[in-house]
mmCIF file of all heavy atoms, coordinates in Angstrom:
data_MODEL
# 
_entry.id   MODEL 
# 
loop_
_atom_site.group_PDB 
_atom_site.id 
_atom_site.type_symbol 
_atom_site.label_atom_id 
_atom_site.label_alt_id 
_atom_site.label_comp_id 
_atom_site.label_asym_id 
_atom_site.label_entity_id 
_atom_site.label_seq_id 
_atom_site.pdbx_PDB_ins_code 
_atom_site.Cartn_x 
_atom_site.Cartn_y 
_atom_site.Cartn_z 
_atom_site.occupancy 
_atom_site.B_iso_or_equiv 
_atom_site.pdbx_formal_charge 
_atom_site.auth_seq_id 
_atom_site.auth_comp_id 
_atom_site.auth_asym_id 
_atom_site.auth_atom_id 
_atom_site.pdbx_PDB_model_num 
ATOM 1   N N   . ALA A 1 1  ? 158.979 -17.837 -82.992 1.00 0.00 ? 1  ALA A N   1 
ATOM 2   C CA  . ALA A 1 1  ? 159.359 -16.422 -83.013 1.00 0.00 ? 1  ALA A CA  1 
ATOM 3   C C   . ALA A 1 1  ? 158.470 -15.616 -82.070 1.00 0.00 ? 1  ALA A C   1 
ATOM 4   O O   . ALA A 1 1  ? 158.968 -14.824 -81.263 1.00 0.00 ? 1  ALA A O   1 
ATOM 5   C CB  . ALA A 1 1  ? 159.275 -15.869 -84.431 1.00 0.00 ? 1  ALA A CB  1 
ATOM 6   N N   . LYS A 1 2  ? 157.171 -15.829 -82.149 1.00 0.00 ? 2  LYS A N   1 
ATOM 7   C CA  . LYS A 1 2  ? 156.255 -15.068 -81.302 1.00 0.00 ? 2  LYS A CA  1 
ATOM 8   C C   . LYS A 1 2  ? 156.346 -15.518 -79.847 1.00 0.00 ? 2  LYS A C   1 
ATOM 9   O O   . LYS A 1 2  ? 156.341 -14.694 -78.940 1.00 0.00 ? 2  LYS A O   1 
ATOM 10  C CB  . LYS A 1 2  ? 154.818 -15.203 -81.815 1.00 0.00 ? 2  LYS A CB  1 
ATOM 11  C CG  . LYS A 1 2  ? 153.858 -14.328 -81.057 1.00 0.00 ? 2  LYS A CG  1 
ATOM 12  C CD  . LYS A 1 2  ? 152.605 -14.039 -81.816 1.00 0.00 ? 2  LYS A CD  1 
ATOM 13  C CE  . LYS A 1 2  ? 151.779 -13.017 -81.036 1.00 0.00 ? 2  LYS A CE  1 
ATOM 14  N NZ  . LYS A 1 2  ? 150.591 -12.633 -81.745 1.00 0.00 ? 2  LYS A NZ  1 
ATOM 15  N N   . TYR A 1 3  ? 156.454 -16.806 -79.621 1.00 0.00 ? 3  TYR A N   1 
ATOM 16  C CA  . TYR A 1 3  ? 156.484 -17.365 -78.262 1.00 0.00 ? 3  TYR A CA  1 
ATOM 17  C C   . TYR A 1 3  ? 157.689 -16.870 -77.467 1.00 0.00 ? 3  TYR A C   1 
ATOM 18  O O   . TYR A 1 3  ? 157.586 -16.575 -76.281 1.00 0.00 ? 3  TYR A O   1 
ATOM 19  C CB  . TYR A 1 3  ? 156.472 -18.892 -78.346 1.00 0.00 ? 3  TYR A CB  1 
ATOM 20  C CG  . TYR A 1 3  ? 156.231 -19.603 -77.038 1.00 0.00 ? 3  TYR A CG  1 
ATOM 21  C CD1 . TYR A 1 3  ? 155.000 -19.505 -76.396 1.00 0.00 ? 3  TYR A CD1 1 
ATOM 22  C CD2 . TYR A 1 3  ? 157.216 -20.383 -76.454 1.00 0.00 ? 3  TYR A CD2 1 
ATOM 23  C CE1 . TYR A 1 3  ? 154.757 -20.170 -75.201 1.00 0.00 ? 3  TYR A CE1 1 
ATOM 24  C CE2 . TYR A 1 3  ? 156.989 -21.050 -75.255 1.00 0.00 ? 3  TYR A CE2 1 
ATOM 25  C CZ  . TYR A 1 3  ? 155.769 -20.941 -74.636 1.00 0.00 ? 3  TYR A CZ  1 
ATOM 26  O OH  . TYR A 1 3  ? 155.529 -21.595 -73.452 1.00 0.00 ? 3  TYR A OH  1 
ATOM 27  N N   . PHE A 1 4  ? 158.842 -16.776 -78.140 1.00 0.00 ? 4  PHE A N   1 
ATOM 28  C CA  . PHE A 1 4  ? 160.074 -16.364 -77.458 1.00 0.00 ? 4  PHE A CA  1 
ATOM 29  C C   . PHE A 1 4  ? 160.490 -14.922 -77.768 1.00 0.00 ? 4  PHE A C   1 
ATOM 30  O O   . PHE A 1 4  ? 161.530 -14.469 -77.296 1.00 0.00 ? 4  PHE A O   1 
ATOM 31  C CB  . PHE A 1 4  ? 161.224 -17.311 -77.817 1.00 0.00 ? 4  PHE A CB  1 
ATOM 32  C CG  . PHE A 1 4  ? 161.075 -18.686 -77.229 1.00 0.00 ? 4  PHE A CG  1 
ATOM 33  C CD1 . PHE A 1 4  ? 160.652 -19.741 -78.019 1.00 0.00 ? 4  PHE A CD1 1 
ATOM 34  C CD2 . PHE A 1 4  ? 161.333 -18.926 -75.893 1.00 0.00 ? 4  PHE A CD2 1 
ATOM 35  C CE1 . PHE A 1 4  ? 160.503 -21.020 -77.482 1.00 0.00 ? 4  PHE A CE1 1 
ATOM 36  C CE2 . PHE A 1 4  ? 161.190 -20.192 -75.341 1.00 0.00 ? 4  PHE A CE2 1 
ATOM 37  C CZ  . PHE A 1 4  ? 160.774 -21.237 -76.137 1.00 0.00 ? 4  PHE A CZ  1 
ATOM 38  N N   . GLY A 1 5  ? 159.720 -14.214 -78.595 1.00 0.00 ? 5  GLY A N   1 
ATOM 39  C CA  . GLY A 1 5  ? 160.060 -12.843 -78.944 1.00 0.00 ? 5  GLY A CA  1 
ATOM 40  C C   . GLY A 1 5  ? 161.315 -12.739 -79.795 1.00 0.00 ? 5  GLY A C   1 
ATOM 41  O O   . GLY A 1 5  ? 162.156 -11.862 -79.586 1.00 0.00 ? 5  GLY A O   1 
ATOM 42  N N   . LEU A 1 6  ? 161.444 -13.650 -80.771 1.00 0.00 ? 6  LEU A N   1 
ATOM 43  C CA  . LEU A 1 6  ? 162.622 -13.711 -81.632 1.00 0.00 ? 6  LEU A CA  1 
ATOM 44  C C   . LEU A 1 6  ? 162.287 -13.271 -83.054 1.00 0.00 ? 6  LEU A C   1 
ATOM 45  O O   . LEU A 1 6  ? 161.129 -13.313 -83.472 1.00 0.00 ? 6  LEU A O   1 
ATOM 46  C CB  . LEU A 1 6  ? 163.157 -15.146 -81.686 1.00 0.00 ? 6  LEU A CB  1 
ATOM 47  C CG  . LEU A 1 6  ? 163.549 -15.802 -80.371 1.00 0.00 ? 6  LEU A CG  1 
ATOM 48  C CD1 . LEU A 1 6  ? 163.856 -17.278 -80.596 1.00 0.00 ? 6  LEU A CD1 1 
ATOM 49  C CD2 . LEU A 1 6  ? 164.746 -15.091 -79.751 1.00 0.00 ? 6  LEU A CD2 1 
ATOM 50  N N   . ALA A 1 7  ? 163.319 -12.909 -83.790 1.00 0.00 ? 7  ALA A N   1 
ATOM 51  C CA  . ALA A 1 7  ? 163.176 -12.683 -85.224 1.00 0.00 ? 7  ALA A CA  1 
ATOM 52  C C   . ALA A 1 7  ? 163.017 -14.050 -85.889 1.00 0.00 ? 7  ALA A C   1 
ATOM 53  O O   . ALA A 1 7  ? 163.451 -15.067 -85.331 1.00 0.00 ? 7  ALA A O   1 
ATOM 54  C CB  . ALA A 1 7  ? 164.404 -11.968 -85.767 1.00 0.00 ? 7  ALA A CB  1 
ATOM 55  N N   . PRO A 1 8  ? 162.412 -14.112 -87.071 1.00 0.00 ? 8  PRO A N   1 
ATOM 56  C CA  . PRO A 1 8  ? 162.213 -15.404 -87.735 1.00 0.00 ? 8  PRO A CA  1 
ATOM 57  C C   . PRO A 1 8  ? 163.508 -16.217 -87.899 1.00 0.00 ? 8  PRO A C   1 
ATOM 58  O O   . PRO A 1 8  ? 163.510 -17.426 -87.670 1.00 0.00 ? 8  PRO A O   1 
ATOM 59  C CB  . PRO A 1 8  ? 161.616 -15.028 -89.086 1.00 0.00 ? 8  PRO A CB  1 
ATOM 60  C CG  . PRO A 1 8  ? 160.882 -13.760 -88.809 1.00 0.00 ? 8  PRO A CG  1 
ATOM 61  C CD  . PRO A 1 8  ? 161.744 -13.030 -87.801 1.00 0.00 ? 8  PRO A CD  1 
ATOM 62  N N   . LYS A 1 9  ? 164.596 -15.568 -88.282 1.00 0.00 ? 9  LYS A N   1 
ATOM 63  C CA  . LYS A 1 9  ? 165.849 -16.303 -88.463 1.00 0.00 ? 9  LYS A CA  1 
ATOM 64  C C   . LYS A 1 9  ? 166.337 -16.882 -87.138 1.00 0.00 ? 9  LYS A C   1 
ATOM 65  O O   . LYS A 1 9  ? 166.782 -18.032 -87.083 1.00 0.00 ? 9  LYS A O   1 
ATOM 66  C CB  . LYS A 1 9  ? 166.919 -15.398 -89.071 1.00 0.00 ? 9  LYS A CB  1 
ATOM 67  C CG  . LYS A 1 9  ? 168.214 -16.125 -89.362 1.00 0.00 ? 9  LYS A CG  1 
ATOM 68  C CD  . LYS A 1 9  ? 169.218 -15.245 -90.050 1.00 0.00 ? 9  LYS A CD  1 
ATOM 69  C CE  . LYS A 1 9  ? 170.501 -16.006 -90.326 1.00 0.00 ? 9  LYS A CE  1 
ATOM 70  N NZ  . LYS A 1 9  ? 171.512 -15.150 -90.943 1.00 0.00 ? 9  LYS A NZ  1 
ATOM 71  N N   . GLU A 1 10 ? 166.243 -16.101 -86.075 1.00 0.00 ? 10 GLU A N   1 
ATOM 72  C CA  . GLU A 1 10 ? 166.653 -16.599 -84.759 1.00 0.00 ? 10 GLU A CA  1 
ATOM 73  C C   . GLU A 1 10 ? 165.769 -17.757 -84.321 1.00 0.00 ? 10 GLU A C   1 
ATOM 74  O O   . GLU A 1 10 ? 166.249 -18.728 -83.734 1.00 0.00 ? 10 GLU A O   1 
ATOM 75  C CB  . GLU A 1 10 ? 166.578 -15.476 -83.723 1.00 0.00 ? 10 GLU A CB  1 
ATOM 76  C CG  . GLU A 1 10 ? 167.581 -14.365 -83.929 1.00 0.00 ? 10 GLU A CG  1 
ATOM 77  C CD  . GLU A 1 10 ? 167.309 -13.172 -83.023 1.00 0.00 ? 10 GLU A CD  1 
ATOM 78  O OE1 . GLU A 1 10 ? 166.119 -12.862 -82.764 1.00 0.00 ? 10 GLU A OE1 1 
ATOM 79  O OE2 . GLU A 1 10 ? 168.291 -12.556 -82.580 1.00 0.00 ? 10 GLU A OE2 1 
ATOM 80  N N   . ALA A 1 11 ? 164.470 -17.666 -84.601 1.00 0.00 ? 11 ALA A N   1 
ATOM 81  C CA  . ALA A 1 11 ? 163.541 -18.745 -84.257 1.00 0.00 ? 11 ALA A CA  1 
ATOM 82  C C   . ALA A 1 11 ? 163.892 -20.016 -85.029 1.00 0.00 ? 11 ALA A C   1 
ATOM 83  O O   . ALA A 1 11 ? 163.903 -21.106 -84.457 1.00 0.00 ? 11 ALA A O   1 
ATOM 84  C CB  . ALA A 1 11 ? 162.109 -18.321 -84.549 1.00 0.00 ? 11 ALA A CB  1 
ATOM 85  N N   . ALA A 1 12 ? 164.185 -19.871 -86.307 1.00 0.00 ? 12 ALA A N   1 
ATOM 86  C CA  . ALA A 1 12 ? 164.555 -21.039 -87.121 1.00 0.00 ? 12 ALA A CA  1 
ATOM 87  C C   . ALA A 1 12 ? 165.848 -21.664 -86.607 1.00 0.00 ? 12 ALA A C   1 
ATOM 88  O O   . ALA A 1 12 ? 165.970 -22.891 -86.543 1.00 0.00 ? 12 ALA A O   1 
ATOM 89  C CB  . ALA A 1 12 ? 164.699 -20.631 -88.581 1.00 0.00 ? 12 ALA A CB  1 
ATOM 90  N N   . MET A 1 13 ? 166.795 -20.836 -86.217 1.00 0.00 ? 13 MET A N   1 
ATOM 91  C CA  . MET A 1 13 ? 168.061 -21.350 -85.671 1.00 0.00 ? 13 MET A CA  1 
ATOM 92  C C   . MET A 1 13 ? 167.823 -22.062 -84.337 1.00 0.00 ? 13 MET A C   1 
ATOM 93  O O   . MET A 1 13 ? 168.422 -23.109 -84.072 1.00 0.00 ? 13 MET A O   1 
ATOM 94  C CB  . MET A 1 13 ? 169.068 -20.212 -85.513 1.00 0.00 ? 13 MET A CB  1 
ATOM 95  C CG  . MET A 1 13 ? 169.560 -19.687 -86.846 1.00 0.00 ? 13 MET A CG  1 
ATOM 96  S SD  . MET A 1 13 ? 170.561 -18.180 -86.725 1.00 0.00 ? 13 MET A SD  1 
ATOM 97  C CE  . MET A 1 13 ? 171.993 -18.790 -85.864 1.00 0.00 ? 13 MET A CE  1 
ATOM 98  N N   . LYS A 1 14 ? 166.935 -21.534 -83.512 1.00 0.00 ? 14 LYS A N   1 
ATOM 99  C CA  . LYS A 1 14 ? 166.607 -22.170 -82.232 1.00 0.00 ? 14 LYS A CA  1 
ATOM 100 C C   . LYS A 1 14 ? 165.977 -23.537 -82.468 1.00 0.00 ? 14 LYS A C   1 
ATOM 101 O O   . LYS A 1 14 ? 166.357 -24.516 -81.830 1.00 0.00 ? 14 LYS A O   1 
ATOM 102 C CB  . LYS A 1 14 ? 165.669 -21.277 -81.417 1.00 0.00 ? 14 LYS A CB  1 
ATOM 103 C CG  . LYS A 1 14 ? 165.234 -21.902 -80.090 1.00 0.00 ? 14 LYS A CG  1 
ATOM 104 C CD  . LYS A 1 14 ? 164.488 -20.921 -79.234 1.00 0.00 ? 14 LYS A CD  1 
ATOM 105 C CE  . LYS A 1 14 ? 164.074 -21.508 -77.897 1.00 0.00 ? 14 LYS A CE  1 
ATOM 106 N NZ  . LYS A 1 14 ? 165.128 -22.164 -77.132 1.00 0.00 ? 14 LYS A NZ  1 
ATOM 107 N N   . ILE A 1 15 ? 165.015 -23.594 -83.377 1.00 0.00 ? 15 ILE A N   1 
ATOM 108 C CA  . ILE A 1 15 ? 164.370 -24.873 -83.677 1.00 0.00 ? 15 ILE A CA  1 
ATOM 109 C C   . ILE A 1 15 ? 165.395 -25.873 -84.204 1.00 0.00 ? 15 ILE A C   1 
ATOM 110 O O   . ILE A 1 15 ? 165.432 -27.019 -83.762 1.00 0.00 ? 15 ILE A O   1 
ATOM 111 C CB  . ILE A 1 15 ? 163.225 -24.687 -84.694 1.00 0.00 ? 15 ILE A CB  1 
ATOM 112 C CG1 . ILE A 1 15 ? 162.106 -23.851 -84.084 1.00 0.00 ? 15 ILE A CG1 1 
ATOM 113 C CG2 . ILE A 1 15 ? 162.689 -26.042 -85.161 1.00 0.00 ? 15 ILE A CG2 1 
ATOM 114 C CD1 . ILE A 1 15 ? 161.059 -23.391 -85.084 1.00 0.00 ? 15 ILE A CD1 1 
ATOM 115 N N   . ALA A 1 16 ? 166.221 -25.440 -85.153 1.00 0.00 ? 16 ALA A N   1 
ATOM 116 C CA  . ALA A 1 16 ? 167.236 -26.334 -85.724 1.00 0.00 ? 16 ALA A CA  1 
ATOM 117 C C   . ALA A 1 16 ? 168.152 -26.872 -84.637 1.00 0.00 ? 16 ALA A C   1 
ATOM 118 O O   . ALA A 1 16 ? 168.465 -28.070 -84.604 1.00 0.00 ? 16 ALA A O   1 
ATOM 119 C CB  . ALA A 1 16 ? 168.037 -25.601 -86.800 1.00 0.00 ? 16 ALA A CB  1 
ATOM 120 N N   . SER A 1 17 ? 168.565 -26.015 -83.729 1.00 0.00 ? 17 SER A N   1 
ATOM 121 C CA  . SER A 1 17 ? 169.443 -26.434 -82.640 1.00 0.00 ? 17 SER A CA  1 
ATOM 122 C C   . SER A 1 17 ? 168.725 -27.380 -81.685 1.00 0.00 ? 17 SER A C   1 
ATOM 123 O O   . SER A 1 17 ? 169.236 -28.448 -81.346 1.00 0.00 ? 17 SER A O   1 
ATOM 124 C CB  . SER A 1 17 ? 169.945 -25.197 -81.893 1.00 0.00 ? 17 SER A CB  1 
ATOM 125 O OG  . SER A 1 17 ? 170.683 -25.577 -80.753 1.00 0.00 ? 17 SER A OG  1 
ATOM 126 N N   . ASP A 1 18 ? 167.521 -27.005 -81.255 1.00 0.00 ? 18 ASP A N   1 
ATOM 127 C CA  . ASP A 1 18 ? 166.780 -27.798 -80.271 1.00 0.00 ? 18 ASP A CA  1 
ATOM 128 C C   . ASP A 1 18 ? 166.314 -29.143 -80.813 1.00 0.00 ? 18 ASP A C   1 
ATOM 129 O O   . ASP A 1 18 ? 166.169 -30.097 -80.061 1.00 0.00 ? 18 ASP A O   1 
ATOM 130 C CB  . ASP A 1 18 ? 165.580 -27.006 -79.752 1.00 0.00 ? 18 ASP A CB  1 
ATOM 131 C CG  . ASP A 1 18 ? 165.992 -25.798 -78.914 1.00 0.00 ? 18 ASP A CG  1 
ATOM 132 O OD1 . ASP A 1 18 ? 167.189 -25.686 -78.552 1.00 0.00 ? 18 ASP A OD1 1 
ATOM 133 O OD2 . ASP A 1 18 ? 165.122 -24.961 -78.634 1.00 0.00 ? 18 ASP A OD2 1 
ATOM 134 N N   . PHE A 1 19 ? 166.097 -29.235 -82.127 1.00 0.00 ? 19 PHE A N   1 
ATOM 135 C CA  . PHE A 1 19 ? 165.640 -30.484 -82.736 1.00 0.00 ? 19 PHE A CA  1 
ATOM 136 C C   . PHE A 1 19 ? 166.770 -31.248 -83.420 1.00 0.00 ? 19 PHE A C   1 
ATOM 137 O O   . PHE A 1 19 ? 166.539 -32.280 -84.028 1.00 0.00 ? 19 PHE A O   1 
ATOM 138 C CB  . PHE A 1 19 ? 164.503 -30.211 -83.734 1.00 0.00 ? 19 PHE A CB  1 
ATOM 139 C CG  . PHE A 1 19 ? 163.159 -30.000 -83.080 1.00 0.00 ? 19 PHE A CG  1 
ATOM 140 C CD1 . PHE A 1 19 ? 162.816 -28.761 -82.549 1.00 0.00 ? 19 PHE A CD1 1 
ATOM 141 C CD2 . PHE A 1 19 ? 162.242 -31.026 -82.978 1.00 0.00 ? 19 PHE A CD2 1 
ATOM 142 C CE1 . PHE A 1 19 ? 161.593 -28.549 -81.944 1.00 0.00 ? 19 PHE A CE1 1 
ATOM 143 C CE2 . PHE A 1 19 ? 161.002 -30.829 -82.374 1.00 0.00 ? 19 PHE A CE2 1 
ATOM 144 C CZ  . PHE A 1 19 ? 160.679 -29.591 -81.851 1.00 0.00 ? 19 PHE A CZ  1 
ATOM 145 N N   . GLY A 1 20 ? 168.005 -30.724 -83.364 1.00 0.00 ? 20 GLY A N   1 
ATOM 146 C CA  . GLY A 1 20 ? 169.157 -31.407 -83.946 1.00 0.00 ? 20 GLY A CA  1 
ATOM 147 C C   . GLY A 1 20 ? 169.118 -31.494 -85.456 1.00 0.00 ? 20 GLY A C   1 
ATOM 148 O O   . GLY A 1 20 ? 169.551 -32.492 -86.034 1.00 0.00 ? 20 GLY A O   1 
ATOM 149 N N   . LEU A 1 21 ? 168.630 -30.441 -86.122 1.00 0.00 ? 21 LEU A N   1 
ATOM 150 C CA  . LEU A 1 21 ? 168.535 -30.444 -87.576 1.00 0.00 ? 21 LEU A CA  1 
ATOM 151 C C   . LEU A 1 21 ? 169.824 -29.911 -88.196 1.00 0.00 ? 21 LEU A C   1 
ATOM 152 O O   . LEU A 1 21 ? 170.425 -28.978 -87.682 1.00 0.00 ? 21 LEU A O   1 
ATOM 153 C CB  . LEU A 1 21 ? 167.369 -29.567 -88.050 1.00 0.00 ? 21 LEU A CB  1 
ATOM 154 C CG  . LEU A 1 21 ? 165.990 -29.916 -87.505 1.00 0.00 ? 21 LEU A CG  1 
ATOM 155 C CD1 . LEU A 1 21 ? 164.967 -28.930 -88.028 1.00 0.00 ? 21 LEU A CD1 1 
ATOM 156 C CD2 . LEU A 1 21 ? 165.610 -31.329 -87.877 1.00 0.00 ? 21 LEU A CD2 1 
ATOM 157 N N   . ASN A 1 22 ? 170.203 -30.484 -89.322 1.00 0.00 ? 22 ASN A N   1 
ATOM 158 C CA  . ASN A 1 22 ? 171.345 -30.006 -90.080 1.00 0.00 ? 22 ASN A CA  1 
ATOM 159 C C   . ASN A 1 22 ? 170.859 -29.257 -91.289 1.00 0.00 ? 22 ASN A C   1 
ATOM 160 O O   . ASN A 1 22 ? 169.865 -29.618 -91.898 1.00 0.00 ? 22 ASN A O   1 
ATOM 161 C CB  . ASN A 1 22 ? 172.221 -31.183 -90.543 1.00 0.00 ? 22 ASN A CB  1 
ATOM 162 C CG  . ASN A 1 22 ? 172.856 -31.905 -89.377 1.00 0.00 ? 22 ASN A CG  1 
ATOM 163 O OD1 . ASN A 1 22 ? 173.367 -31.271 -88.456 1.00 0.00 ? 22 ASN A OD1 1 
ATOM 164 N ND2 . ASN A 1 22 ? 172.830 -33.230 -89.412 1.00 0.00 ? 22 ASN A ND2 1 
ATOM 165 N N   . TYR A 1 23 ? 171.570 -28.202 -91.629 1.00 0.00 ? 23 TYR A N   1 
ATOM 166 C CA  . TYR A 1 23 ? 171.223 -27.433 -92.823 1.00 0.00 ? 23 TYR A CA  1 
ATOM 167 C C   . TYR A 1 23 ? 172.514 -26.906 -93.431 1.00 0.00 ? 23 TYR A C   1 
ATOM 168 O O   . TYR A 1 23 ? 173.549 -26.867 -92.775 1.00 0.00 ? 23 TYR A O   1 
ATOM 169 C CB  . TYR A 1 23 ? 170.244 -26.299 -92.516 1.00 0.00 ? 23 TYR A CB  1 
ATOM 170 C CG  . TYR A 1 23 ? 170.810 -25.250 -91.578 1.00 0.00 ? 23 TYR A CG  1 
ATOM 171 C CD1 . TYR A 1 23 ? 171.395 -24.090 -92.073 1.00 0.00 ? 23 TYR A CD1 1 
ATOM 172 C CD2 . TYR A 1 23 ? 170.760 -25.408 -90.213 1.00 0.00 ? 23 TYR A CD2 1 
ATOM 173 C CE1 . TYR A 1 23 ? 171.931 -23.136 -91.227 1.00 0.00 ? 23 TYR A CE1 1 
ATOM 174 C CE2 . TYR A 1 23 ? 171.291 -24.462 -89.359 1.00 0.00 ? 23 TYR A CE2 1 
ATOM 175 C CZ  . TYR A 1 23 ? 171.869 -23.335 -89.859 1.00 0.00 ? 23 TYR A CZ  1 
ATOM 176 O OH  . TYR A 1 23 ? 172.382 -22.392 -89.022 1.00 0.00 ? 23 TYR A OH  1 
ATOM 177 N N   . ASP A 1 24 ? 172.428 -26.488 -94.688 1.00 0.00 ? 24 ASP A N   1 
ATOM 178 C CA  . ASP A 1 24 ? 173.599 -25.994 -95.417 1.00 0.00 ? 24 ASP A CA  1 
ATOM 179 C C   . ASP A 1 24 ? 173.879 -24.567 -94.967 1.00 0.00 ? 24 ASP A C   1 
ATOM 180 O O   . ASP A 1 24 ? 173.222 -23.625 -95.399 1.00 0.00 ? 24 ASP A O   1 
ATOM 181 C CB  . ASP A 1 24 ? 173.343 -26.055 -96.917 1.00 0.00 ? 24 ASP A CB  1 
ATOM 182 C CG  . ASP A 1 24 ? 174.545 -25.614 -97.727 1.00 0.00 ? 24 ASP A CG  1 
ATOM 183 O OD1 . ASP A 1 24 ? 175.568 -25.227 -97.145 1.00 0.00 ? 24 ASP A OD1 1 
ATOM 184 O OD2 . ASP A 1 24 ? 174.446 -25.649 -98.965 1.00 0.00 ? 24 ASP A OD2 1 
ATOM 185 N N   . ALA A 1 25 ? 174.871 -24.400 -94.108 1.00 0.00 ? 25 ALA A N   1 
ATOM 186 C CA  . ALA A 1 25 ? 175.207 -23.076 -93.570 1.00 0.00 ? 25 ALA A CA  1 
ATOM 187 C C   . ALA A 1 25 ? 175.749 -22.135 -94.636 1.00 0.00 ? 25 ALA A C   1 
ATOM 188 O O   . ALA A 1 25 ? 175.721 -20.923 -94.487 1.00 0.00 ? 25 ALA A O   1 
ATOM 189 C CB  . ALA A 1 25 ? 176.210 -23.219 -92.426 1.00 0.00 ? 25 ALA A CB  1 
ATOM 190 N N   . THR A 1 26 ? 176.226 -22.676 -95.745 1.00 0.00 ? 26 THR A N   1 
ATOM 191 C CA  . THR A 1 26 ? 176.763 -21.833 -96.812 1.00 0.00 ? 26 THR A CA  1 
ATOM 192 C C   . THR A 1 26 ? 175.648 -21.274 -97.702 1.00 0.00 ? 26 THR A C   1 
ATOM 193 O O   . THR A 1 26 ? 175.871 -20.391 -98.494 1.00 0.00 ? 26 THR A O   1 
ATOM 194 C CB  . THR A 1 26 ? 177.753 -22.609 -97.706 1.00 0.00 ? 26 THR A CB  1 
ATOM 195 O OG1 . THR A 1 26 ? 177.052 -23.697 -98.323 1.00 0.00 ? 26 THR A OG1 1 
ATOM 196 C CG2 . THR A 1 26 ? 178.910 -23.129 -96.890 1.00 0.00 ? 26 THR A CG2 1 
# 
């Protein structure tokens, strides 16, 4: 979040996408 200037949720979504993590979207 701090490195890219993102909100925590956006940072978590970026990490999940970049690392190929699956999570319960519901």
